[in-house]
Amino acid sequence: MRVQRLKLLSANIQAGSSTRRYSDYATRSWSHVLPAGNKLGMLDTIAKLAGRHDIVGLQEADPGSWRSGFTNQTHYLAERGGFDYWTHQPNRRMGQFASSANGLLSKFEPTSISDYPLPGRITGRGVLLARFGEGDEGLTIAVAHLSLGAQSRASQLSFIAELLADQPHVVLMGDFNCTIDRPEMATLFRQTRLQPPACMVHTFPSWKPQRAIDHILVSDKLACRDLQAFPAAFSDHLALSVDLEVPDGALRR
C-alpha cells in the first residue's frame, strides 16, 4: 500500500488570550470575556505555526462572540494559514460575552463532516469528526475537548470509543484534560484501534510544562513520528505536532 505523509497539529488556543503564569488566571481573567488585548496578533502567530501543517485541530476557538470582536477565529486562522477547508463546532457559551468551539483546518478536502455533543455533568463539550477518502483507505480525524472531571471524561471517552470503534485509520486529537495513564483512558484503547503514544510530551502549563494532557492518538495501522510541542502564541497549552503516514487514497486536494 502506497502511503502519503502529512503533518498534524492540535492546539488549545485559549481564544487568543494570553496566560504566562498561574496568577494570570486571576489578574487577566477579563481577557477571557472582553474584546481587549492583542487577540488578532496572537492569532497571526498561531496561523504561522498552523500553516506549516496539513490538518489542524483547534480547541477553545471563539466562533464569533463579543470577546473576539465577533471574529470567527477558526475562519480567521484558515485564511491566514492558507487552508482551503475549515469547519467548527460551537459548543459552549459563557453568558452573552464569550463562546467556544472545536475547529478543524485542512489543506485537503474532507468527504464528510459531523459533530456530536458529549455527555457530562455540565453541558458544553463536543467532538468534531472529519472523514477523508472512501472505503478501507479512508481516514477519520476527530477533534475533542474533554471535561475536567474524571466521571464526565469517562462517559465522554466511552461515547467517543463507540463512534470510532470500527475505524481502521483514525486520529483523535485534542485537550483531554488528563494524562494517558488515567483509568478512564483504558476504555478508549480497549474499544478502538487507537494506541497510547510511544512517548509523553508535556504541554501544560505552557510556561513550565509539567503535564501531558494534550494528545494526538493514532490507530495501529498508521505510523507516526516526530511528536513535538510548540508554543501556540501565549495560550496556557502548548500545541502538539506529529508527522503521520496515511494511505495514499485517503487524501485529496
Protein backbone atom coordinates (compact mmCIF):
# COMPACT_ATOMS: atom_id res chain seq x y z
CA MET A 1 0.00 0.00 0.00
CA ARG A 2 1.34 3.39 -1.00
CA VAL A 3 1.41 5.97 1.75
CA GLN A 4 1.37 9.74 1.97
CA ARG A 5 2.93 11.84 4.70
CA LEU A 6 1.13 14.70 6.36
CA LYS A 7 1.71 16.95 9.34
CA LEU A 8 -0.93 17.27 12.05
CA LEU A 9 -1.26 19.92 14.74
CA SER A 10 -3.54 20.05 17.79
CA ALA A 11 -3.82 23.35 19.65
CA ASN A 12 -5.88 24.73 22.50
CA ILE A 13 -5.63 28.40 21.54
CA GLN A 14 -7.46 29.84 24.59
CA ALA A 15 -9.47 32.14 22.26
CA GLY A 16 -6.33 34.17 21.55
CA SER A 17 -5.90 35.20 25.18
CA SER A 18 -2.57 35.37 27.00
CA THR A 19 -1.64 33.36 30.08
CA ARG A 20 2.04 33.32 31.07
CA ARG A 21 1.81 32.38 34.74
CA TYR A 22 -0.76 30.96 37.15
CA SER A 23 -1.54 34.40 38.57
CA ASP A 24 -2.77 35.50 35.13
CA TYR A 25 -5.86 33.32 35.57
CA ALA A 26 -6.94 35.85 38.21
CA THR A 27 -5.32 39.10 37.11
CA ARG A 28 -6.08 38.67 33.38
CA SER A 29 -9.43 36.89 33.66
CA TRP A 30 -11.04 39.88 31.94
CA SER A 31 -9.30 38.90 28.68
CA HIS A 32 -11.43 35.74 28.52
CA VAL A 33 -14.69 37.70 28.32
CA LEU A 34 -13.75 41.15 26.96
CA PRO A 35 -12.66 42.19 23.44
CA ALA A 36 -9.34 43.51 24.74
CA GLY A 37 -5.70 42.59 24.35
CA ASN A 38 -3.90 41.73 21.13
CA LYS A 39 -6.03 38.74 20.18
CA LEU A 40 -5.61 39.17 16.41
CA GLY A 41 -1.85 39.44 16.87
CA MET A 42 -1.94 36.21 18.86
CA LEU A 43 -3.97 34.54 16.13
CA ASP A 44 -1.49 35.69 13.47
CA THR A 45 1.30 33.98 15.44
CA ILE A 46 -0.76 30.80 15.73
CA ALA A 47 -1.57 30.95 11.99
CA LYS A 48 2.14 30.87 11.15
CA LEU A 49 2.55 27.69 13.18
CA ALA A 50 -0.66 26.15 11.81
CA GLY A 51 0.29 26.94 8.21
CA ARG A 52 3.27 24.58 8.43
CA HIS A 53 0.81 21.70 8.85
CA ASP A 54 -1.72 19.93 6.64
CA ILE A 55 -4.54 19.34 9.13
CA VAL A 56 -5.08 21.25 12.38
CA GLY A 57 -7.45 20.55 15.26
CA LEU A 58 -8.38 23.53 17.43
CA GLN A 59 -9.87 23.75 20.89
CA GLU A 60 -11.19 26.89 22.60
CA ALA A 61 -11.52 28.80 19.32
CA ASP A 62 -14.06 31.59 19.66
CA PRO A 63 -16.72 31.22 16.92
CA GLY A 64 -17.52 34.92 16.87
CA SER A 65 -18.64 36.45 20.16
CA TRP A 66 -18.07 39.83 21.79
CA ARG A 67 -14.70 38.91 23.31
CA SER A 68 -13.25 38.10 19.86
CA GLY A 69 -14.66 41.24 18.26
CA PHE A 70 -17.17 38.93 16.55
CA THR A 71 -14.31 37.26 14.66
CA ASN A 72 -14.76 33.60 13.87
CA GLN A 73 -11.28 32.53 14.93
CA THR A 74 -11.32 29.21 13.06
CA HIS A 75 -12.17 31.00 9.81
CA TYR A 76 -9.56 33.68 10.52
CA LEU A 77 -6.83 31.08 11.06
CA ALA A 78 -7.88 29.22 7.90
CA GLU A 79 -7.44 32.36 5.81
CA ARG A 80 -4.19 33.42 7.45
CA GLY A 81 -2.72 29.92 7.48
CA GLY A 82 -3.53 29.04 3.87
CA PHE A 83 -6.18 26.37 4.46
CA ASP A 84 -8.82 25.83 1.78
CA TYR A 85 -11.17 23.92 4.08
CA TRP A 86 -12.35 24.66 7.58
CA THR A 87 -15.22 23.80 9.87
CA HIS A 88 -16.10 24.37 13.51
CA GLN A 89 -18.35 23.11 16.28
CA PRO A 90 -19.59 25.82 18.68
CA ASN A 91 -20.27 24.00 21.91
CA ARG A 92 -20.01 26.28 24.92
CA ARG A 93 -21.46 29.72 25.59
CA MET A 94 -20.32 31.83 28.54
CA GLY A 95 -23.17 34.27 29.04
CA GLN A 96 -23.59 36.85 26.30
CA PHE A 97 -19.91 37.73 26.12
CA ALA A 98 -17.97 34.65 25.01
CA SER A 99 -18.34 31.35 23.21
CA SER A 100 -16.03 28.42 22.49
CA ALA A 101 -15.68 25.89 19.68
CA ASN A 102 -13.71 22.97 18.37
CA GLY A 103 -12.29 23.69 14.93
CA LEU A 104 -10.66 21.92 12.01
CA LEU A 105 -8.39 23.39 9.33
CA SER A 106 -7.39 21.30 6.33
CA LYS A 107 -5.44 21.64 3.09
CA PHE A 108 -7.27 18.53 1.87
CA GLU A 109 -10.95 18.26 1.05
CA PRO A 110 -12.96 16.19 3.53
CA THR A 111 -15.63 13.90 2.15
CA SER A 112 -17.90 14.43 5.18
CA ILE A 113 -18.10 16.39 8.44
CA SER A 114 -20.11 15.55 11.54
CA ASP A 115 -20.18 16.69 15.14
CA TYR A 116 -21.66 15.42 18.37
CA PRO A 117 -22.29 16.89 21.81
CA LEU A 118 -20.51 14.93 24.51
CA PRO A 119 -22.21 13.67 27.68
CA GLY A 120 -21.17 15.09 31.01
CA ARG A 121 -22.37 16.62 34.26
CA ILE A 122 -22.04 20.09 32.69
CA THR A 123 -23.01 20.53 29.04
CA GLY A 124 -20.83 22.30 26.51
CA ARG A 125 -18.29 19.74 25.33
CA GLY A 126 -18.19 18.15 21.90
CA VAL A 127 -16.31 16.06 19.36
CA LEU A 128 -15.86 17.09 15.72
CA LEU A 129 -15.29 14.39 13.06
CA ALA A 130 -13.92 14.80 9.55
CA ARG A 131 -13.77 11.95 7.06
CA PHE A 132 -11.22 11.93 4.23
CA GLY A 133 -11.32 9.49 1.33
CA GLU A 134 -13.58 6.48 0.89
CA GLY A 135 -13.66 2.82 1.83
CA ASP A 136 -10.92 0.92 3.61
CA GLU A 137 -8.31 3.58 2.89
CA GLY A 138 -10.39 6.41 4.29
CA LEU A 139 -9.07 8.49 7.18
CA THR A 140 -11.11 9.81 10.12
CA ILE A 141 -9.88 12.82 12.11
CA ALA A 142 -11.61 13.56 15.42
CA VAL A 143 -11.10 16.71 17.50
CA ALA A 144 -12.29 16.84 21.11
CA HIS A 145 -12.04 18.90 24.28
CA LEU A 146 -12.85 16.80 27.34
CA SER A 147 -14.11 17.80 30.78
CA LEU A 148 -12.09 18.49 33.91
CA GLY A 149 -13.97 15.89 35.99
CA ALA A 150 -12.98 12.22 35.78
CA GLN A 151 -16.57 10.92 35.75
CA SER A 152 -17.57 13.18 32.89
CA ARG A 153 -14.40 12.28 30.99
CA ALA A 154 -15.17 8.59 31.42
CA SER A 155 -18.61 8.96 29.82
CA GLN A 156 -17.18 11.17 27.08
CA LEU A 157 -14.40 8.73 26.21
CA SER A 158 -16.90 5.86 26.17
CA PHE A 159 -19.07 7.84 23.73
CA ILE A 160 -16.09 8.64 21.51
CA ALA A 161 -14.99 5.00 21.59
CA GLU A 162 -18.37 3.95 20.17
CA LEU A 163 -18.02 6.46 17.34
CA LEU A 164 -14.51 5.32 16.40
CA ALA A 165 -14.73 1.59 17.17
CA ASP A 166 -14.93 0.38 13.55
CA GLN A 167 -12.42 2.83 12.06
CA PRO A 168 -9.11 1.29 10.84
CA HIS A 169 -7.44 4.64 10.04
CA VAL A 170 -8.32 7.15 12.73
CA VAL A 171 -6.75 10.03 14.63
CA LEU A 172 -8.17 11.51 17.83
CA MET A 173 -6.58 14.75 18.97
CA GLY A 174 -7.33 17.49 21.43
CA ASP A 175 -7.24 18.69 25.00
CA PHE A 176 -8.10 15.64 27.11
CA ASN A 177 -7.54 17.36 30.48
CA CYS A 178 -5.89 14.15 31.68
CA THR A 179 -2.80 12.03 31.19
CA ILE A 180 -2.76 8.79 29.19
CA ASP A 181 -2.44 6.59 32.28
CA ARG A 182 -5.75 7.70 33.81
CA PRO A 183 -8.26 4.81 34.28
CA GLU A 184 -10.88 6.43 32.05
CA MET A 185 -8.48 6.27 29.08
CA ALA A 186 -8.45 2.46 29.20
CA THR A 187 -11.94 2.26 27.64
CA LEU A 188 -10.76 4.17 24.59
CA PHE A 189 -7.78 1.88 23.98
CA ARG A 190 -9.80 -1.25 24.70
CA GLN A 191 -12.71 -0.49 22.36
CA THR A 192 -10.91 1.21 19.45
CA ARG A 193 -7.73 0.68 17.45
CA LEU A 194 -6.22 3.83 18.93
CA GLN A 195 -2.88 3.30 20.62
CA PRO A 196 -1.16 5.06 23.55
CA PRO A 197 1.66 7.31 22.30
CA ALA A 198 5.21 5.96 22.43
CA CYS A 199 6.34 8.96 24.47
CA MET A 200 4.78 11.61 26.67
CA VAL A 201 5.18 15.26 25.70
CA HIS A 202 4.29 17.74 28.44
CA THR A 203 2.01 20.54 27.23
CA PHE A 204 0.60 22.19 30.36
CA PRO A 205 1.14 24.79 31.65
CA SER A 206 2.83 26.28 28.61
CA TRP A 207 5.27 28.42 30.61
CA LYS A 208 6.57 25.41 32.61
CA PRO A 209 5.17 22.20 31.09
CA GLN A 210 4.67 19.50 33.73
CA ARG A 211 1.66 17.50 32.49
CA ALA A 212 0.92 15.68 29.24
CA ILE A 213 -2.80 16.39 28.88
CA ASP A 214 -2.98 17.24 25.16
CA HIS A 215 -2.77 14.22 22.86
CA ILE A 216 -2.66 13.09 19.25
CA LEU A 217 -3.67 9.42 19.25
CA VAL A 218 -3.48 7.29 16.10
CA SER A 219 -4.76 3.81 15.24
CA ASP A 220 -2.47 0.80 14.95
CA LYS A 221 -2.49 0.83 11.12
CA LEU A 222 -0.96 4.33 10.98
CA ALA A 223 2.69 5.23 11.55
CA CYS A 224 3.67 8.47 13.22
CA ARG A 225 6.90 10.13 14.30
CA ASP A 226 8.41 13.40 15.50
CA LEU A 227 5.87 14.23 18.20
CA GLN A 228 6.78 17.75 19.33
CA ALA A 229 5.31 20.62 21.33
CA PHE A 230 5.32 24.27 20.24
CA PRO A 231 4.01 27.49 21.80
CA ALA A 232 0.57 28.49 20.49
CA ALA A 233 1.30 32.20 20.99
CA PHE A 234 0.66 32.78 24.73
CA SER A 235 -2.02 30.15 25.29
CA ASP A 236 -1.77 28.20 28.54
CA HIS A 237 -1.32 24.99 26.49
CA LEU A 238 1.49 24.10 24.13
CA ALA A 239 0.41 22.83 20.71
CA LEU A 240 1.27 19.28 19.64
CA SER A 241 2.65 18.42 16.21
CA VAL A 242 3.22 15.00 14.62
CA ASP A 243 4.19 13.56 11.23
CA LEU A 244 1.81 10.86 10.06
CA GLU A 245 1.80 8.27 7.26
CA VAL A 246 -1.65 7.58 5.80
CA PRO A 247 -2.92 5.51 2.84
CA ASP A 248 -2.36 7.40 -0.40
CA GLY A 249 -6.05 7.18 -1.30
CA ALA A 250 -7.17 8.86 1.91
CA LEU A 251 -6.48 12.45 0.88
CA ARG A 252 -7.33 14.73 -1.99
CA ARG A 253 -6.70 18.42 -2.54
